[in-house]
């Protein structure tokens, strides 16, 4: 066993932890589904709810990198509609998520991702426009905030919303980057004081992954530069489907 900041890891689990950091770094610079792959992988190491608290500071660090690179591409029209309702969803997730056991936690995450994949595929095959109205944004915000709090899984929900809005590739990435920067930092006090899933030792563990997060962010930039708009949309769908399968099998 390897001891690191009061955590004991097998060699395989330590590699999984750093792989998660790499994937999250990639996800924040555009390899969107990589973050959803990271969720079930970290749940293997730490369990369901605990892994949510371990992952959050990694996400917060990576969000800064994503916003730094893509900040000019955000659609603030969509963000202004989403933020108040996402905050409400986060509060709901804080109240409900604390009473969910690990098995139920994983099943909920798997179902959310799988439903998101089905909707994404439907959106790709049916080209009619989804109305950009108040109620659609409200629903996406509440569900996104809730799923973000209980499992850091708003990525799949927000991918559905941003794909439905037909955002171009860079605007999709920039808008996502700002959304998750604000929402993930908003969640930190709830994890620290309500769920108590973020501690000094877990934060030091997260900091040890900083070089790997930065490397992942760099890889993400390189990958996205070489993917066109249509391929990018199907790439998101494929990565999300793989994440769902991993969650069901974990």
C-alpha atoms as a PDB file:
ATOM      1  CA  UNK A   1       0.000   0.000   0.000  1.00  0.00           C
ATOM      2  CA  UNK A   2       1.049   3.586  -0.668  1.00  0.00           C
ATOM      3  CA  UNK A   3       0.253   6.204   2.004  1.00  0.00           C
ATOM      4  CA  UNK A   4      -0.386   9.738   0.780  1.00  0.00           C
ATOM      5  CA  UNK A   5      -1.834  12.472   3.029  1.00  0.00           C
ATOM      6  CA  UNK A   6      -3.508   9.907   5.331  1.00  0.00           C
ATOM      7  CA  UNK A   7      -4.956   7.996   2.341  1.00  0.00           C
ATOM      8  CA  UNK A   8      -3.823   4.426   1.649  1.00  0.00           C
ATOM      9  CA  UNK A   9      -3.735   3.397  -2.012  1.00  0.00           C
ATOM     10  CA  UNK A  10      -2.866   0.273  -3.895  1.00  0.00           C
ATOM     11  CA  UNK A  11      -0.602   1.063  -6.827  1.00  0.00           C
ATOM     12  CA  UNK A  12      -3.527   0.485  -9.240  1.00  0.00           C
ATOM     13  CA  UNK A  13      -5.822   2.834  -7.315  1.00  0.00           C
ATOM     14  CA  UNK A  14      -3.157   5.549  -7.178  1.00  0.00           C
ATOM     15  CA  UNK A  15      -2.758   5.293 -10.950  1.00  0.00           C
ATOM     16  CA  UNK A  16      -6.551   5.568 -11.307  1.00  0.00           C
ATOM     17  CA  UNK A  17      -6.538   8.715  -9.177  1.00  0.00           C
ATOM     18  CA  UNK A  18      -3.936  10.391 -11.392  1.00  0.00           C
ATOM     19  CA  UNK A  19      -5.724   9.153 -14.526  1.00  0.00           C
ATOM     20  CA  UNK A  20      -8.855  10.892 -13.222  1.00  0.00           C
ATOM     21  CA  UNK A  21      -6.845  14.121 -12.784  1.00  0.00           C
ATOM     22  CA  UNK A  22      -5.587  13.799 -16.383  1.00  0.00           C
ATOM     23  CA  UNK A  23      -9.110  13.209 -17.742  1.00  0.00           C
ATOM     24  CA  UNK A  24     -10.546  16.156 -15.822  1.00  0.00           C
ATOM     25  CA  UNK A  25      -7.810  18.425 -17.171  1.00  0.00           C
ATOM     26  CA  UNK A  26      -8.665  17.259 -20.693  1.00  0.00           C
ATOM     27  CA  UNK A  27     -12.390  17.770 -20.117  1.00  0.00           C
ATOM     28  CA  UNK A  28     -11.975  21.407 -19.136  1.00  0.00           C
ATOM     29  CA  UNK A  29     -10.255  22.302 -22.398  1.00  0.00           C
ATOM     30  CA  UNK A  30     -12.872  20.656 -24.579  1.00  0.00           C
ATOM     31  CA  UNK A  31     -12.628  16.846 -24.374  1.00  0.00           C
ATOM     32  CA  UNK A  32     -16.005  17.027 -22.736  1.00  0.00           C
ATOM     33  CA  UNK A  33     -16.833  13.384 -22.082  1.00  0.00           C
ATOM     34  CA  UNK A  34     -13.483  12.750 -20.389  1.00  0.00           C
ATOM     35  CA  UNK A  35     -14.836  14.298 -17.203  1.00  0.00           C
ATOM     36  CA  UNK A  36     -17.768  11.895 -17.210  1.00  0.00           C
ATOM     37  CA  UNK A  37     -15.379   8.975 -17.632  1.00  0.00           C
ATOM     38  CA  UNK A  38     -13.559  10.251 -14.547  1.00  0.00           C
ATOM     39  CA  UNK A  39     -16.659  10.008 -12.326  1.00  0.00           C
ATOM     40  CA  UNK A  40     -17.032   6.189 -12.321  1.00  0.00           C
ATOM     41  CA  UNK A  41     -13.257   5.694 -12.180  1.00  0.00           C
ATOM     42  CA  UNK A  42     -12.943   7.750  -9.002  1.00  0.00           C
ATOM     43  CA  UNK A  43     -15.996   6.023  -7.514  1.00  0.00           C
ATOM     44  CA  UNK A  44     -14.073   2.735  -7.842  1.00  0.00           C
ATOM     45  CA  UNK A  45     -11.306   4.158  -5.611  1.00  0.00           C
ATOM     46  CA  UNK A  46     -13.276   6.127  -2.998  1.00  0.00           C
ATOM     47  CA  UNK A  47     -16.918   5.050  -3.264  1.00  0.00           C
ATOM     48  CA  UNK A  48     -19.817   7.212  -4.409  1.00  0.00           C
ATOM     49  CA  UNK A  49     -20.414  10.269  -2.222  1.00  0.00           C
ATOM     50  CA  UNK A  50     -16.838  10.463  -0.896  1.00  0.00           C
ATOM     51  CA  UNK A  51     -15.473  10.491  -4.442  1.00  0.00           C
ATOM     52  CA  UNK A  52     -17.667  13.519  -5.157  1.00  0.00           C
ATOM     53  CA  UNK A  53     -15.817  15.518  -2.502  1.00  0.00           C
ATOM     54  CA  UNK A  54     -12.405  14.240  -3.606  1.00  0.00           C
ATOM     55  CA  UNK A  55     -13.111  15.229  -7.199  1.00  0.00           C
ATOM     56  CA  UNK A  56     -14.496  18.714  -6.571  1.00  0.00           C
ATOM     57  CA  UNK A  57     -11.194  20.532  -5.827  1.00  0.00           C
ATOM     58  CA  UNK A  58      -9.644  18.886  -8.902  1.00  0.00           C
ATOM     59  CA  UNK A  59     -12.547  20.231 -10.935  1.00  0.00           C
ATOM     60  CA  UNK A  60     -12.138  23.704  -9.406  1.00  0.00           C
ATOM     61  CA  UNK A  61      -8.436  23.792 -10.319  1.00  0.00           C
ATOM     62  CA  UNK A  62      -9.103  22.533 -13.839  1.00  0.00           C
ATOM     63  CA  UNK A  63     -11.983  25.006 -14.313  1.00  0.00           C
ATOM     64  CA  UNK A  64      -9.532  27.886 -13.910  1.00  0.00           C
ATOM     65  CA  UNK A  65      -7.403  26.477 -16.737  1.00  0.00           C
ATOM     66  CA  UNK A  66     -10.437  26.006 -18.985  1.00  0.00           C
ATOM     67  CA  UNK A  67     -11.737  29.544 -18.428  1.00  0.00           C
ATOM     68  CA  UNK A  68      -8.253  31.019 -18.890  1.00  0.00           C
ATOM     69  CA  UNK A  69      -8.033  29.485 -22.371  1.00  0.00           C
ATOM     70  CA  UNK A  70     -11.648  29.746 -23.606  1.00  0.00           C
ATOM     71  CA  UNK A  71     -13.056  32.726 -21.640  1.00  0.00           C
ATOM     72  CA  UNK A  72     -13.694  34.819 -24.768  1.00  0.00           C
ATOM     73  CA  UNK A  73     -16.045  32.246 -26.309  1.00  0.00           C
ATOM     74  CA  UNK A  74     -18.775  32.118 -23.628  1.00  0.00           C
ATOM     75  CA  UNK A  75     -22.453  32.792 -24.384  1.00  0.00           C
ATOM     76  CA  UNK A  76     -23.545  34.940 -21.443  1.00  0.00           C
ATOM     77  CA  UNK A  77     -27.103  34.983 -22.747  1.00  0.00           C
ATOM     78  CA  UNK A  78     -27.400  31.302 -21.845  1.00  0.00           C
ATOM     79  CA  UNK A  79     -25.338  31.543 -18.649  1.00  0.00           C
ATOM     80  CA  UNK A  80     -27.501  34.297 -17.131  1.00  0.00           C
ATOM     81  CA  UNK A  81     -30.551  32.085 -17.584  1.00  0.00           C
ATOM     82  CA  UNK A  82     -28.893  29.010 -16.082  1.00  0.00           C
ATOM     83  CA  UNK A  83     -27.065  30.284 -12.982  1.00  0.00           C
ATOM     84  CA  UNK A  84     -29.986  31.091 -10.598  1.00  0.00           C
ATOM     85  CA  UNK A  85     -31.715  27.760 -11.260  1.00  0.00           C
ATOM     86  CA  UNK A  86     -28.476  25.787 -11.084  1.00  0.00           C
ATOM     87  CA  UNK A  87     -27.899  27.305  -7.630  1.00  0.00           C
ATOM     88  CA  UNK A  88     -31.371  26.107  -6.577  1.00  0.00           C
ATOM     89  CA  UNK A  89     -30.615  22.620  -7.922  1.00  0.00           C
ATOM     90  CA  UNK A  90     -27.364  22.582  -5.942  1.00  0.00           C
ATOM     91  CA  UNK A  91     -29.222  23.352  -2.718  1.00  0.00           C
ATOM     92  CA  UNK A  92     -31.706  20.552  -3.467  1.00  0.00           C
ATOM     93  CA  UNK A  93     -28.836  18.144  -4.133  1.00  0.00           C
ATOM     94  CA  UNK A  94     -27.180  19.103  -0.825  1.00  0.00           C
ATOM     95  CA  UNK A  95     -30.338  18.275   1.125  1.00  0.00           C
ATOM     96  CA  UNK A  96     -31.182  15.030  -0.683  1.00  0.00           C
ATOM     97  CA  UNK A  97     -27.748  13.671  -1.594  1.00  0.00           C
ATOM     98  CA  UNK A  98     -26.558  13.238   1.978  1.00  0.00           C
ATOM     99  CA  UNK A  99     -29.114  10.458   2.555  1.00  0.00           C
ATOM    100  CA  UNK A 100     -28.264   8.404  -0.572  1.00  0.00           C
ATOM    101  CA  UNK A 101     -26.093   5.291  -0.063  1.00  0.00           C
ATOM    102  CA  UNK A 102     -23.238   4.334  -2.408  1.00  0.00           C
ATOM    103  CA  UNK A 103     -25.175   1.740  -4.437  1.00  0.00           C
ATOM    104  CA  UNK A 104     -28.112   4.068  -5.059  1.00  0.00           C
ATOM    105  CA  UNK A 105     -25.663   6.902  -5.753  1.00  0.00           C
ATOM    106  CA  UNK A 106     -23.996   4.927  -8.573  1.00  0.00           C
ATOM    107  CA  UNK A 107     -27.318   3.819 -10.044  1.00  0.00           C
ATOM    108  CA  UNK A 108     -28.643   7.379 -10.127  1.00  0.00           C
ATOM    109  CA  UNK A 109     -25.451   8.569 -11.844  1.00  0.00           C
ATOM    110  CA  UNK A 110     -25.602   5.779 -14.427  1.00  0.00           C
ATOM    111  CA  UNK A 111     -29.262   6.458 -15.259  1.00  0.00           C
ATOM    112  CA  UNK A 112     -28.650  10.211 -15.594  1.00  0.00           C
ATOM    113  CA  UNK A 113     -25.761   9.672 -17.999  1.00  0.00           C
ATOM    114  CA  UNK A 114     -27.627   7.041 -20.032  1.00  0.00           C
ATOM    115  CA  UNK A 115     -30.720   9.240 -20.420  1.00  0.00           C
ATOM    116  CA  UNK A 116     -28.457  12.102 -21.482  1.00  0.00           C
ATOM    117  CA  UNK A 117     -26.919   9.918 -24.205  1.00  0.00           C
ATOM    118  CA  UNK A 118     -30.363   8.992 -25.544  1.00  0.00           C
ATOM    119  CA  UNK A 119     -31.382  12.662 -25.708  1.00  0.00           C
ATOM    120  CA  UNK A 120     -28.073  13.639 -27.366  1.00  0.00           C
ATOM    121  CA  UNK A 121     -28.527  11.015 -30.081  1.00  0.00           C
ATOM    122  CA  UNK A 122     -32.119  12.149 -30.641  1.00  0.00           C
ATOM    123  CA  UNK A 123     -30.925  15.749 -31.006  1.00  0.00           C
ATOM    124  CA  UNK A 124     -28.348  14.698 -33.589  1.00  0.00           C
ATOM    125  CA  UNK A 125     -30.843  12.716 -35.665  1.00  0.00           C
ATOM    126  CA  UNK A 126     -33.681  15.268 -35.470  1.00  0.00           C
ATOM    127  CA  UNK A 127     -32.475  18.630 -36.666  1.00  0.00           C
ATOM    128  CA  UNK A 128     -35.487  20.739 -35.709  1.00  0.00           C
ATOM    129  CA  UNK A 129     -34.629  23.559 -33.321  1.00  0.00           C
ATOM    130  CA  UNK A 130     -35.320  23.214 -29.613  1.00  0.00           C
ATOM    131  CA  UNK A 131     -36.988  26.402 -28.334  1.00  0.00           C
ATOM    132  CA  UNK A 132     -34.561  28.682 -26.490  1.00  0.00           C
ATOM    133  CA  UNK A 133     -37.135  29.611 -23.895  1.00  0.00           C
ATOM    134  CA  UNK A 134     -37.247  30.358 -20.180  1.00  0.00           C
ATOM    135  CA  UNK A 135     -38.673  27.026 -19.049  1.00  0.00           C
ATOM    136  CA  UNK A 136     -36.180  24.894 -20.957  1.00  0.00           C
ATOM    137  CA  UNK A 137     -33.291  26.856 -19.437  1.00  0.00           C
ATOM    138  CA  UNK A 138     -34.922  26.647 -15.983  1.00  0.00           C
ATOM    139  CA  UNK A 139     -35.248  22.853 -16.179  1.00  0.00           C
ATOM    140  CA  UNK A 140     -31.684  22.443 -17.443  1.00  0.00           C
ATOM    141  CA  UNK A 141     -30.367  24.688 -14.666  1.00  0.00           C
ATOM    142  CA  UNK A 142     -32.169  22.911 -11.821  1.00  0.00           C
ATOM    143  CA  UNK A 143     -31.270  19.418 -13.072  1.00  0.00           C
ATOM    144  CA  UNK A 144     -27.716  20.518 -13.815  1.00  0.00           C
ATOM    145  CA  UNK A 145     -27.222  21.952 -10.327  1.00  0.00           C
ATOM    146  CA  UNK A 146     -28.758  18.896  -8.672  1.00  0.00           C
ATOM    147  CA  UNK A 147     -26.696  16.361 -10.625  1.00  0.00           C
ATOM    148  CA  UNK A 148     -23.572  18.458 -10.170  1.00  0.00           C
ATOM    149  CA  UNK A 149     -23.971  18.363  -6.395  1.00  0.00           C
ATOM    150  CA  UNK A 150     -24.807  14.694  -5.973  1.00  0.00           C
ATOM    151  CA  UNK A 151     -22.208  13.305  -8.363  1.00  0.00           C
ATOM    152  CA  UNK A 152     -20.348  16.002 -10.333  1.00  0.00           C
ATOM    153  CA  UNK A 153     -22.453  14.807 -13.276  1.00  0.00           C
ATOM    154  CA  UNK A 154     -23.865  18.030 -14.645  1.00  0.00           C
ATOM    155  CA  UNK A 155     -21.556  17.563 -17.638  1.00  0.00           C
ATOM    156  CA  UNK A 156     -23.969  15.177 -19.324  1.00  0.00           C
ATOM    157  CA  UNK A 157     -27.018  17.332 -18.528  1.00  0.00           C
ATOM    158  CA  UNK A 158     -25.421  20.564 -19.703  1.00  0.00           C
ATOM    159  CA  UNK A 159     -24.109  18.848 -22.827  1.00  0.00           C
ATOM    160  CA  UNK A 160     -27.730  18.078 -23.717  1.00  0.00           C
ATOM    161  CA  UNK A 161     -28.721  21.727 -23.189  1.00  0.00           C
ATOM    162  CA  UNK A 162     -25.799  23.248 -25.086  1.00  0.00           C
ATOM    163  CA  UNK A 163     -26.147  20.750 -27.946  1.00  0.00           C
ATOM    164  CA  UNK A 164     -29.855  21.598 -28.122  1.00  0.00           C
ATOM    165  CA  UNK A 165     -28.919  25.284 -28.388  1.00  0.00           C
ATOM    166  CA  UNK A 166     -26.673  24.369 -31.370  1.00  0.00           C
ATOM    167  CA  UNK A 167     -23.700  26.217 -29.900  1.00  0.00           C
ATOM    168  CA  UNK A 168     -20.570  26.141 -32.100  1.00  0.00           C
ATOM    169  CA  UNK A 169     -17.648  24.076 -30.787  1.00  0.00           C
ATOM    170  CA  UNK A 170     -15.627  26.884 -29.171  1.00  0.00           C
ATOM    171  CA  UNK A 171     -18.738  28.591 -27.767  1.00  0.00           C
ATOM    172  CA  UNK A 172     -19.876  25.231 -26.342  1.00  0.00           C
ATOM    173  CA  UNK A 173     -16.502  24.797 -24.608  1.00  0.00           C
ATOM    174  CA  UNK A 174     -16.238  28.412 -23.368  1.00  0.00           C
ATOM    175  CA  UNK A 175     -19.808  28.513 -22.037  1.00  0.00           C
ATOM    176  CA  UNK A 176     -19.317  25.166 -20.291  1.00  0.00           C
ATOM    177  CA  UNK A 177     -16.041  26.384 -18.791  1.00  0.00           C
ATOM    178  CA  UNK A 178     -17.639  29.456 -17.205  1.00  0.00           C
ATOM    179  CA  UNK A 179     -20.718  27.520 -16.043  1.00  0.00           C
ATOM    180  CA  UNK A 180     -18.675  24.914 -14.205  1.00  0.00           C
ATOM    181  CA  UNK A 181     -16.159  27.393 -12.798  1.00  0.00           C
ATOM    182  CA  UNK A 182     -18.966  29.289 -11.054  1.00  0.00           C
ATOM    183  CA  UNK A 183     -20.985  26.226 -10.005  1.00  0.00           C
ATOM    184  CA  UNK A 184     -18.083  24.113  -8.743  1.00  0.00           C
ATOM    185  CA  UNK A 185     -16.710  26.910  -6.557  1.00  0.00           C
ATOM    186  CA  UNK A 186     -20.262  27.545  -5.326  1.00  0.00           C
ATOM    187  CA  UNK A 187     -20.479  23.891  -4.174  1.00  0.00           C
ATOM    188  CA  UNK A 188     -17.290  23.938  -2.079  1.00  0.00           C
ATOM    189  CA  UNK A 189     -18.823  25.239   1.205  1.00  0.00           C
ATOM    190  CA  UNK A 190     -21.549  22.575   1.066  1.00  0.00           C
ATOM    191  CA  UNK A 191     -18.965  19.804   0.726  1.00  0.00           C
ATOM    192  CA  UNK A 192     -16.819  21.268   3.502  1.00  0.00           C
ATOM    193  CA  UNK A 193     -19.478  22.141   6.093  1.00  0.00           C
ATOM    194  CA  UNK A 194     -22.520  19.992   5.228  1.00  0.00           C
ATOM    195  CA  UNK A 195     -21.242  16.730   3.743  1.00  0.00           C
ATOM    196  CA  UNK A 196     -17.701  17.056   5.192  1.00  0.00           C
ATOM    197  CA  UNK A 197     -16.264  15.328   2.117  1.00  0.00           C
ATOM    198  CA  UNK A 198     -13.488  17.924   1.658  1.00  0.00           C
ATOM    199  CA  UNK A 199     -10.797  17.998   4.352  1.00  0.00           C
ATOM    200  CA  UNK A 200      -7.294  19.419   4.655  1.00  0.00           C
ATOM    201  CA  UNK A 201      -5.799  16.032   3.744  1.00  0.00           C
ATOM    202  CA  UNK A 202      -8.083  15.518   0.738  1.00  0.00           C
ATOM    203  CA  UNK A 203      -7.202  19.018  -0.503  1.00  0.00           C
ATOM    204  CA  UNK A 204      -3.459  18.287  -0.184  1.00  0.00           C
ATOM    205  CA  UNK A 205      -4.057  15.087  -2.152  1.00  0.00           C
ATOM    206  CA  UNK A 206      -5.773  17.157  -4.850  1.00  0.00           C
ATOM    207  CA  UNK A 207      -2.845  19.605  -4.993  1.00  0.00           C
ATOM    208  CA  UNK A 208      -0.449  16.706  -5.611  1.00  0.00           C
ATOM    209  CA  UNK A 209      -2.338  16.091  -8.880  1.00  0.00           C
ATOM    210  CA  UNK A 210      -1.886  19.681 -10.145  1.00  0.00           C
ATOM    211  CA  UNK A 211       0.877  18.856 -12.687  1.00  0.00           C
ATOM    212  CA  UNK A 212      -1.243  16.008 -14.094  1.00  0.00           C
ATOM    213  CA  UNK A 213      -4.299  18.285 -14.371  1.00  0.00           C
ATOM    214  CA  UNK A 214      -2.235  20.847 -16.298  1.00  0.00           C
ATOM    215  CA  UNK A 215      -0.885  18.122 -18.603  1.00  0.00           C
ATOM    216  CA  UNK A 216      -4.434  16.943 -19.291  1.00  0.00           C
ATOM    217  CA  UNK A 217      -5.530  20.498 -20.092  1.00  0.00           C
ATOM    218  CA  UNK A 218      -2.702  20.777 -22.613  1.00  0.00           C
ATOM    219  CA  UNK A 219      -3.643  17.440 -24.230  1.00  0.00           C
ATOM    220  CA  UNK A 220      -7.271  18.618 -24.455  1.00  0.00           C
ATOM    221  CA  UNK A 221      -6.305  21.779 -26.347  1.00  0.00           C
ATOM    222  CA  UNK A 222      -4.277  19.773 -28.865  1.00  0.00           C
ATOM    223  CA  UNK A 223      -7.044  17.193 -29.399  1.00  0.00           C
ATOM    224  CA  UNK A 224      -9.844  19.742 -29.870  1.00  0.00           C
ATOM    225  CA  UNK A 225      -7.867  21.736 -32.429  1.00  0.00           C
ATOM    226  CA  UNK A 226      -8.022  18.704 -34.713  1.00  0.00           C
ATOM    227  CA  UNK A 227     -11.730  17.844 -34.395  1.00  0.00           C
ATOM    228  CA  UNK A 228     -14.381  19.452 -36.613  1.00  0.00           C
ATOM    229  CA  UNK A 229     -17.864  20.503 -35.441  1.00  0.00           C
ATOM    230  CA  UNK A 230     -19.779  17.370 -36.469  1.00  0.00           C
ATOM    231  CA  UNK A 231     -17.130  14.969 -35.187  1.00  0.00           C
ATOM    232  CA  UNK A 232     -16.985  16.891 -31.905  1.00  0.00           C
ATOM    233  CA  UNK A 233     -20.712  16.368 -31.257  1.00  0.00           C
ATOM    234  CA  UNK A 234     -20.497  12.618 -31.845  1.00  0.00           C
ATOM    235  CA  UNK A 235     -17.322  12.486 -29.754  1.00  0.00           C
ATOM    236  CA  UNK A 236     -19.251  13.926 -26.784  1.00  0.00           C
ATOM    237  CA  UNK A 237     -22.026  11.352 -27.242  1.00  0.00           C
ATOM    238  CA  UNK A 238     -19.597   8.412 -27.466  1.00  0.00           C
ATOM    239  CA  UNK A 239     -17.618   9.432 -24.370  1.00  0.00           C
ATOM    240  CA  UNK A 240     -20.840   9.910 -22.401  1.00  0.00           C
ATOM    241  CA  UNK A 241     -22.086   6.449 -23.378  1.00  0.00           C
ATOM    242  CA  UNK A 242     -18.803   4.851 -22.266  1.00  0.00           C
ATOM    243  CA  UNK A 243     -19.091   6.660 -18.918  1.00  0.00           C
ATOM    244  CA  UNK A 244     -22.589   5.268 -18.404  1.00  0.00           C
ATOM    245  CA  UNK A 245     -21.419   1.704 -19.087  1.00  0.00           C
ATOM    246  CA  UNK A 246     -18.508   2.098 -16.650  1.00  0.00           C
ATOM    247  CA  UNK A 247     -20.835   3.359 -13.954  1.00  0.00           C
ATOM    248  CA  UNK A 248     -23.258   0.451 -14.394  1.00  0.00           C
ATOM    249  CA  UNK A 249     -20.394  -2.061 -14.199  1.00  0.00           C
ATOM    250  CA  UNK A 250     -18.573  -0.489 -11.239  1.00  0.00           C
END
